[in-house]
């Protein structure tokens, strides 16, 4: 079983200015249907994507079983319906059966009833809506193209469609208060079955980072994160992962595929994938042949198209992990989730030595940071708030 990530490399065009939100560092380019450039680039992307799917099918021996699909970006909802029909056809050509979960990212300013009707009638099951805040002032600070009224309309549209709704929110925004953060959480909790909360961080090449004065710092997000951990469970939306909360049975299975080191195929420019395997030694012992293979496609649409014209796949980066390194990566990823690490299963997969090393670090943590359930150990809510420090200690187990 595979999961599949598809990158749509387009965002809303805003005149001659950048199409990116102020904090965004993901790859995208403006999608402008008025000038015709958007249609041309969109068709070029779809043709390249179709070629990548054909080559992927050939390498895998035909259609493959897909557990989850996640269509992200960029802003997938900027695509007009004819392009969406073609995209869905391309993706259906790789799957041997409809996925259990299929998510599309959407923004309030570009989502339409036509999108939702087409998605509902296809294999799409879930919409991840980029609301980010219930404050117009905060949305302006972030450089978002929508206001709160548009967000509310989009929420109502998704709920009326019958598709499952997930909402993304950002905390640590300049000028944000706990009161405004509560309003944002309340807006999400009123209709969504899944809420993702992300602390605002700025890469050097983002518009907000370039606009900030030298030495200016973002607000500390600790209190906002802690409030979300307190507030959302009281609305029936429990934390199941460091950044994610969900009602029972509505956890994002695609995200869990990453945290469980499951196989994820990647399509489109700047997309990342992960495949596990066993080499000729046939051993799953850390000193043997069990390995993980991470890869990335070309970072821009132009490079992606060019590489597909030159060779079978547009991959520009690969990384292979095995032994202690892969075991520690698995431990850190598992600790992102409320399920944590199953010690018995971990020892069987990575060896007793690696399991004992990991457990010795976790056993040395203050009791308030971890919780044991049978053979499993997980981070408490308090532990998740200091997760980076815990993972840093685990990384000390890597050989020098």
Protein backbone atom coordinates (compact mmCIF):
# COMPACT_ATOMS: atom_id res chain seq x y z
CA UNK A 1 0.00 0.00 0.00
CA UNK A 2 1.23 3.45 -0.94
CA UNK A 3 0.35 7.01 -0.07
CA UNK A 4 0.69 9.66 -2.77
CA UNK A 5 1.60 13.34 -2.52
CA UNK A 6 0.88 15.59 -5.51
CA UNK A 7 2.26 19.14 -5.67
CA UNK A 8 0.23 21.78 -7.50
CA UNK A 9 2.79 24.54 -8.16
CA UNK A 10 0.40 27.49 -8.53
CA UNK A 11 -1.05 30.22 -6.33
CA UNK A 12 -3.46 33.10 -6.91
CA UNK A 13 -2.01 35.81 -9.15
CA UNK A 14 -2.09 39.29 -7.59
CA UNK A 15 -1.24 41.73 -10.31
CA UNK A 16 2.49 42.20 -10.76
CA UNK A 17 3.32 41.37 -7.14
CA UNK A 18 4.31 38.04 -5.70
CA UNK A 19 1.57 35.44 -5.40
CA UNK A 20 2.87 34.13 -2.09
CA UNK A 21 1.51 34.74 1.36
CA UNK A 22 3.98 36.61 3.54
CA UNK A 23 5.24 33.54 5.41
CA UNK A 24 5.17 30.93 2.64
CA UNK A 25 8.38 29.22 1.54
CA UNK A 26 6.75 26.41 -0.49
CA UNK A 27 7.36 26.45 -4.22
CA UNK A 28 4.68 28.06 -6.38
CA UNK A 29 4.27 30.53 -9.22
CA UNK A 30 1.40 32.92 -10.04
CA UNK A 31 -1.55 31.40 -11.88
CA UNK A 32 -3.07 34.09 -14.08
CA UNK A 33 -5.80 32.91 -16.44
CA UNK A 34 -6.52 36.47 -17.61
CA UNK A 35 -3.19 36.82 -19.42
CA UNK A 36 -3.21 33.24 -20.67
CA UNK A 37 0.11 32.47 -19.00
CA UNK A 38 -1.63 30.49 -16.27
CA UNK A 39 -3.43 28.26 -18.75
CA UNK A 40 -0.21 27.61 -20.66
CA UNK A 41 1.80 26.74 -17.56
CA UNK A 42 -1.08 24.69 -16.15
CA UNK A 43 -1.30 22.59 -19.30
CA UNK A 44 2.49 22.14 -19.33
CA UNK A 45 2.39 20.95 -15.71
CA UNK A 46 -0.45 18.50 -16.39
CA UNK A 47 1.34 17.04 -19.41
CA UNK A 48 4.53 16.58 -17.40
CA UNK A 49 2.59 15.09 -14.50
CA UNK A 50 0.92 12.63 -16.86
CA UNK A 51 4.33 11.59 -18.19
CA UNK A 52 5.65 11.10 -14.66
CA UNK A 53 2.64 8.92 -13.77
CA UNK A 54 3.13 6.76 -16.88
CA UNK A 55 6.78 6.17 -16.01
CA UNK A 56 5.96 5.50 -12.39
CA UNK A 57 3.35 2.93 -13.40
CA UNK A 58 5.87 1.24 -15.69
CA UNK A 59 8.48 1.04 -12.93
CA UNK A 60 5.97 -0.37 -10.43
CA UNK A 61 4.49 -2.92 -12.81
CA UNK A 62 1.15 -1.23 -13.36
CA UNK A 63 -1.47 0.39 -11.17
CA UNK A 64 -0.76 0.38 -7.45
CA UNK A 65 -2.96 0.28 -4.33
CA UNK A 66 -3.20 3.73 -2.79
CA UNK A 67 -4.10 4.13 0.87
CA UNK A 68 -4.13 7.95 0.83
CA UNK A 69 -3.73 10.83 -1.61
CA UNK A 70 -2.82 14.39 -0.65
CA UNK A 71 -3.00 17.17 -3.24
CA UNK A 72 -1.13 20.19 -1.90
CA UNK A 73 0.70 23.25 -3.09
CA UNK A 74 0.70 26.03 -3.86
CA UNK A 75 -3.06 26.37 -3.97
CA UNK A 76 -4.82 23.49 -5.74
CA UNK A 77 -8.14 25.34 -5.68
CA UNK A 78 -6.83 27.98 -8.15
CA UNK A 79 -7.08 25.40 -10.94
CA UNK A 80 -10.19 25.80 -13.12
CA UNK A 81 -12.56 22.84 -13.41
CA UNK A 82 -11.33 21.54 -16.81
CA UNK A 83 -7.79 21.25 -15.40
CA UNK A 84 -9.17 19.57 -12.31
CA UNK A 85 -11.00 17.02 -14.44
CA UNK A 86 -7.77 16.20 -16.24
CA UNK A 87 -5.81 16.04 -12.96
CA UNK A 88 -8.33 13.61 -11.46
CA UNK A 89 -8.14 11.45 -14.59
CA UNK A 90 -4.33 11.37 -14.36
CA UNK A 91 -4.42 10.35 -10.70
CA UNK A 92 -7.10 7.72 -11.27
CA UNK A 93 -4.80 6.13 -13.86
CA UNK A 94 -2.25 5.18 -11.19
CA UNK A 95 -4.59 3.75 -8.56
CA UNK A 96 -5.79 0.14 -8.67
CA UNK A 97 -8.70 1.15 -6.40
CA UNK A 98 -9.99 4.42 -4.88
CA UNK A 99 -7.95 5.53 -1.85
CA UNK A 100 -9.46 5.38 1.61
CA UNK A 101 -8.64 9.06 2.15
CA UNK A 102 -7.95 11.76 -0.43
CA UNK A 103 -7.33 15.36 0.62
CA UNK A 104 -7.22 18.61 -1.36
CA UNK A 105 -5.79 21.85 0.02
CA UNK A 106 -7.95 24.89 -0.69
CA UNK A 107 -8.01 28.59 0.11
CA UNK A 108 -11.21 30.54 0.84
CA UNK A 109 -10.57 33.07 -1.94
CA UNK A 110 -10.39 30.48 -4.75
CA UNK A 111 -12.67 27.65 -3.60
CA UNK A 112 -15.94 27.37 -5.56
CA UNK A 113 -19.05 25.26 -5.46
CA UNK A 114 -17.94 23.74 -8.75
CA UNK A 115 -14.74 22.48 -7.15
CA UNK A 116 -16.64 20.89 -4.29
CA UNK A 117 -19.19 19.19 -6.55
CA UNK A 118 -16.45 17.75 -8.76
CA UNK A 119 -14.42 16.55 -5.77
CA UNK A 120 -17.47 15.02 -4.07
CA UNK A 121 -18.29 13.07 -7.24
CA UNK A 122 -14.71 11.76 -7.51
CA UNK A 123 -12.46 9.92 -5.05
CA UNK A 124 -11.78 13.07 -2.97
CA UNK A 125 -12.96 12.72 0.64
CA UNK A 126 -11.43 15.66 2.48
CA UNK A 127 -10.79 19.41 2.12
CA UNK A 128 -7.97 21.07 4.06
CA UNK A 129 -8.95 24.74 4.21
CA UNK A 130 -6.30 27.40 4.81
CA UNK A 131 -8.23 29.67 7.16
CA UNK A 132 -5.15 30.59 9.30
CA UNK A 133 -6.94 33.16 11.50
CA UNK A 134 -10.36 34.56 12.47
CA UNK A 135 -8.93 38.09 12.63
CA UNK A 136 -8.87 40.34 9.56
CA UNK A 137 -5.89 42.23 11.00
CA UNK A 138 -3.91 39.03 11.44
CA UNK A 139 -4.81 37.86 7.94
CA UNK A 140 -3.47 41.14 6.55
CA UNK A 141 -0.26 40.71 8.55
CA UNK A 142 0.15 37.24 7.03
CA UNK A 143 -0.50 38.57 3.53
CA UNK A 144 -3.52 36.34 3.00
CA UNK A 145 -5.83 37.06 0.05
CA UNK A 146 -9.07 36.42 1.98
CA UNK A 147 -10.85 37.94 4.96
CA UNK A 148 -12.80 36.29 7.77
CA UNK A 149 -16.12 36.59 5.94
CA UNK A 150 -14.69 34.66 2.99
CA UNK A 151 -13.36 32.03 5.37
CA UNK A 152 -16.78 31.58 6.95
CA UNK A 153 -18.43 31.24 3.53
CA UNK A 154 -15.87 28.64 2.48
CA UNK A 155 -16.38 26.67 5.70
CA UNK A 156 -20.14 26.64 5.14
CA UNK A 157 -19.66 25.50 1.52
CA UNK A 158 -17.45 22.55 2.50
CA UNK A 159 -19.81 21.49 5.27
CA UNK A 160 -22.78 21.66 2.89
CA UNK A 161 -20.91 19.52 0.33
CA UNK A 162 -20.60 16.60 2.73
CA UNK A 163 -16.82 16.40 2.36
CA UNK A 164 -14.78 16.07 5.53
CA UNK A 165 -13.33 19.41 6.67
CA UNK A 166 -9.90 20.15 8.08
CA UNK A 167 -8.84 23.70 8.98
CA UNK A 168 -5.31 25.11 9.24
CA UNK A 169 -4.54 27.82 11.79
CA UNK A 170 -1.38 29.81 12.57
CA UNK A 171 -0.25 31.08 15.97
CA UNK A 172 2.57 33.39 16.98
CA UNK A 173 1.45 36.11 14.55
CA UNK A 174 2.68 39.65 15.37
CA UNK A 175 -0.11 41.41 17.29
CA UNK A 176 -1.98 38.19 18.04
CA UNK A 177 -3.58 37.83 21.49
CA UNK A 178 -4.93 34.83 23.37
CA UNK A 179 -8.42 36.26 22.86
CA UNK A 180 -8.00 36.42 19.07
CA UNK A 181 -6.43 32.94 19.10
CA UNK A 182 -9.44 31.59 20.98
CA UNK A 183 -11.70 33.13 18.31
CA UNK A 184 -9.73 31.32 15.62
CA UNK A 185 -9.89 27.99 17.46
CA UNK A 186 -13.61 28.51 18.08
CA UNK A 187 -14.28 29.15 14.38
CA UNK A 188 -12.46 25.94 13.46
CA UNK A 189 -14.00 23.81 16.20
CA UNK A 190 -17.53 24.84 15.22
CA UNK A 191 -17.45 22.86 11.98
CA UNK A 192 -14.18 21.05 11.35
CA UNK A 193 -13.43 17.44 12.24
CA UNK A 194 -9.70 18.12 12.03
CA UNK A 195 -7.61 21.16 13.02
CA UNK A 196 -3.92 21.72 12.32
CA UNK A 197 -2.12 24.43 14.31
CA UNK A 198 1.24 25.75 13.15
CA UNK A 199 3.58 28.20 14.80
CA UNK A 200 4.58 31.02 12.48
CA UNK A 201 8.17 30.61 11.37
CA UNK A 202 9.87 32.60 8.63
CA UNK A 203 12.44 31.34 6.17
CA UNK A 204 14.89 34.07 5.04
CA UNK A 205 13.45 34.27 1.50
CA UNK A 206 9.81 34.87 2.52
CA UNK A 207 8.16 38.30 2.05
CA UNK A 208 7.51 38.74 5.79
CA UNK A 209 11.12 37.94 6.68
CA UNK A 210 12.40 40.46 4.14
CA UNK A 211 10.01 43.11 5.49
CA UNK A 212 10.92 42.65 9.16
CA UNK A 213 13.43 45.02 10.70
CA UNK A 214 16.84 43.66 11.64
CA UNK A 215 16.66 41.96 15.02
CA UNK A 216 12.85 41.96 15.13
CA UNK A 217 11.51 38.77 16.71
CA UNK A 218 8.25 36.89 16.30
CA UNK A 219 6.06 36.42 19.40
CA UNK A 220 6.69 33.39 21.61
CA UNK A 221 4.16 30.77 20.58
CA UNK A 222 4.29 28.65 23.76
CA UNK A 223 1.14 30.05 25.41
CA UNK A 224 -0.88 29.84 22.17
CA UNK A 225 0.09 26.20 21.63
CA UNK A 226 -0.65 25.31 25.24
CA UNK A 227 -4.06 27.00 25.00
CA UNK A 228 -4.90 24.97 21.87
CA UNK A 229 -3.98 21.78 23.76
CA UNK A 230 -6.41 22.82 26.50
CA UNK A 231 -9.24 24.25 24.38
CA UNK A 232 -9.67 21.87 21.43
CA UNK A 233 -10.06 18.63 23.44
CA UNK A 234 -12.87 20.33 25.35
CA UNK A 235 -14.63 20.68 21.99
CA UNK A 236 -14.18 16.98 21.22
CA UNK A 237 -11.10 17.54 19.03
CA UNK A 238 -8.23 15.61 20.60
CA UNK A 239 -4.52 15.98 19.91
CA UNK A 240 -3.15 12.97 18.03
CA UNK A 241 0.04 14.54 16.65
CA UNK A 242 2.33 17.43 17.53
CA UNK A 243 0.50 19.89 15.25
CA UNK A 244 -2.81 18.13 14.69
CA UNK A 245 -6.11 17.61 16.48
CA UNK A 246 -9.10 15.56 15.33
CA UNK A 247 -12.45 14.17 16.32
CA UNK A 248 -12.48 10.41 16.84
CA UNK A 249 -11.96 8.63 13.50
CA UNK A 250 -11.03 11.78 11.57
CA UNK A 251 -7.25 11.75 12.00
CA UNK A 252 -5.36 12.51 8.78
CA UNK A 253 -4.12 9.12 7.63
CA UNK A 254 -1.83 10.68 5.06
CA UNK A 255 0.07 12.64 7.71
CA UNK A 256 0.32 9.51 9.84
CA UNK A 257 1.97 7.74 6.88
CA UNK A 258 4.93 10.12 7.23
CA UNK A 259 5.21 9.65 10.99
CA UNK A 260 5.05 5.85 10.60
CA UNK A 261 7.71 5.71 7.86
CA UNK A 262 5.22 4.28 5.39
CA UNK A 263 5.77 4.43 1.63
CA UNK A 264 4.83 7.79 0.07
CA UNK A 265 5.11 8.38 -3.67
CA UNK A 266 5.75 11.94 -4.90
CA UNK A 267 4.43 13.64 -8.03
CA UNK A 268 5.08 17.14 -9.32
CA UNK A 269 7.80 19.76 -8.88
CA UNK A 270 9.35 20.07 -5.38
CA UNK A 271 7.44 16.98 -4.16
CA UNK A 272 9.13 14.65 -1.64
CA UNK A 273 8.67 10.88 -1.37
CA UNK A 274 9.80 8.03 0.82
CA UNK A 275 10.19 4.31 0.06
CA UNK A 276 11.31 1.54 2.40
CA UNK A 277 13.01 -1.65 1.31
CA UNK A 278 15.44 -4.47 1.97
CA UNK A 279 18.65 -4.95 0.02
CA UNK A 280 20.20 -8.24 -1.10
CA UNK A 281 21.22 -9.24 2.43
CA UNK A 282 17.53 -9.76 3.19
CA UNK A 283 18.00 -8.76 6.81
CA UNK A 284 15.77 -6.40 8.78
CA UNK A 285 18.35 -6.09 11.54
CA UNK A 286 19.83 -2.58 11.85
CA UNK A 287 23.24 -3.97 10.90
CA UNK A 288 21.72 -5.67 7.86
CA UNK A 289 19.70 -4.68 4.83
CA UNK A 290 16.60 -2.78 5.98
CA UNK A 291 16.67 0.80 4.68
CA UNK A 292 14.65 3.92 3.93
CA UNK A 293 14.98 5.91 0.71
CA UNK A 294 13.91 9.57 0.66
CA UNK A 295 13.83 11.54 -2.60
CA UNK A 296 12.84 14.94 -3.99
CA UNK A 297 11.73 16.06 -7.43
CA UNK A 298 13.11 19.09 -9.26
CA UNK A 299 12.38 22.25 -7.26
CA UNK A 300 10.73 24.31 -10.02
CA UNK A 301 8.21 23.61 -12.76
CA UNK A 302 10.65 24.53 -15.54
CA UNK A 303 13.32 22.16 -14.19
CA UNK A 304 10.72 19.46 -13.63
CA UNK A 305 9.51 19.63 -17.23
CA UNK A 306 13.06 19.72 -18.57
CA UNK A 307 14.21 16.68 -16.59
CA UNK A 308 11.19 14.63 -17.66
CA UNK A 309 12.22 15.39 -21.23
CA UNK A 310 15.77 14.15 -20.57
CA UNK A 311 15.29 11.04 -18.42
CA UNK A 312 12.77 8.76 -16.77
CA UNK A 313 12.26 10.63 -13.51
CA UNK A 314 12.70 14.27 -12.38
CA UNK A 315 14.46 13.32 -9.11
CA UNK A 316 17.27 15.67 -8.05
CA UNK A 317 17.94 14.54 -4.47
CA UNK A 318 18.13 11.16 -2.77
CA UNK A 319 18.97 10.09 0.75
CA UNK A 320 19.28 6.55 2.07
CA UNK A 321 19.02 5.81 5.78
CA UNK A 322 19.68 2.53 7.56
CA UNK A 323 20.81 1.06 10.87
CA UNK A 324 20.89 3.32 13.92
CA UNK A 325 20.10 6.43 11.87
CA UNK A 326 16.85 4.99 10.52
CA UNK A 327 15.88 3.64 13.94
CA UNK A 328 16.31 7.06 15.56
CA UNK A 329 14.37 8.73 12.76
CA UNK A 330 11.53 6.25 13.32
CA UNK A 331 11.59 6.94 17.06
CA UNK A 332 11.43 10.72 16.61
CA UNK A 333 8.63 10.49 14.03
CA UNK A 334 6.63 8.11 16.23
CA UNK A 335 6.98 10.45 19.19
CA UNK A 336 5.20 13.14 17.17
CA UNK A 337 2.02 11.09 17.59
CA UNK A 338 -0.09 10.37 20.65
CA UNK A 339 0.51 6.64 20.07
CA UNK A 340 4.24 7.06 20.58
CA UNK A 341 6.63 4.12 20.28
CA UNK A 342 5.58 0.50 20.72
CA UNK A 343 8.73 -0.89 22.33
CA UNK A 344 8.12 -4.49 21.28
CA UNK A 345 7.40 -3.65 17.64
CA UNK A 346 10.32 -1.23 17.56
CA UNK A 347 12.74 -3.86 18.88
CA UNK A 348 11.48 -6.41 16.33
CA UNK A 349 11.99 -4.01 13.44
CA UNK A 350 15.21 -2.25 14.46
CA UNK A 351 16.84 -4.60 16.93
CA UNK A 352 17.03 -4.82 20.70
CA UNK A 353 20.15 -2.66 20.95
CA UNK A 354 18.51 0.32 19.22
CA UNK A 355 15.30 -0.14 21.21
CA UNK A 356 17.15 -0.20 24.53
CA UNK A 357 19.14 2.92 23.59
CA UNK A 358 15.98 4.85 22.74
CA UNK A 359 14.10 3.68 25.81
CA UNK A 360 17.02 4.57 28.08
CA UNK A 361 16.80 8.20 26.93
CA UNK A 362 13.02 8.33 27.36
CA UNK A 363 13.16 6.60 30.75
CA UNK A 364 15.51 9.36 31.91
CA UNK A 365 12.98 12.07 31.14
CA UNK A 366 10.94 13.72 33.92
CA UNK A 367 7.72 11.79 34.54
CA UNK A 368 5.51 14.67 33.41
CA UNK A 369 6.94 14.43 29.86
CA UNK A 370 6.15 10.80 29.01
CA UNK A 371 3.39 8.26 29.61
CA UNK A 372 3.55 4.46 29.36
CA UNK A 373 0.71 2.28 28.09
CA UNK A 374 1.70 -1.38 28.16
CA UNK A 375 4.81 -1.74 25.97
CA UNK A 376 4.33 1.73 24.43
CA UNK A 377 5.73 5.07 25.52
CA UNK A 378 4.46 8.44 24.27
CA UNK A 379 4.87 12.12 25.02
CA UNK A 380 2.32 13.81 27.25
CA UNK A 381 0.85 17.19 26.30
CA UNK A 382 3.68 18.75 28.30
CA UNK A 383 6.21 16.57 26.51
CA UNK A 384 4.93 17.65 23.11
CA UNK A 385 5.50 21.26 24.10
CA UNK A 386 9.23 20.51 24.55
CA UNK A 387 9.45 17.90 21.81
CA UNK A 388 12.42 19.53 20.07
CA UNK A 389 14.54 19.16 23.21
CA UNK A 390 13.60 15.48 23.56
CA UNK A 391 14.41 14.74 19.94
CA UNK A 392 17.75 16.52 20.31
CA UNK A 393 18.67 14.11 23.11
CA UNK A 394 17.74 11.15 20.94
CA UNK A 395 19.95 12.48 18.13
CA UNK A 396 22.88 12.31 20.56
CA UNK A 397 22.65 8.53 20.09
CA UNK A 398 23.92 8.84 16.51
CA UNK A 399 27.47 7.55 16.11
CA UNK A 400 30.10 10.30 15.90
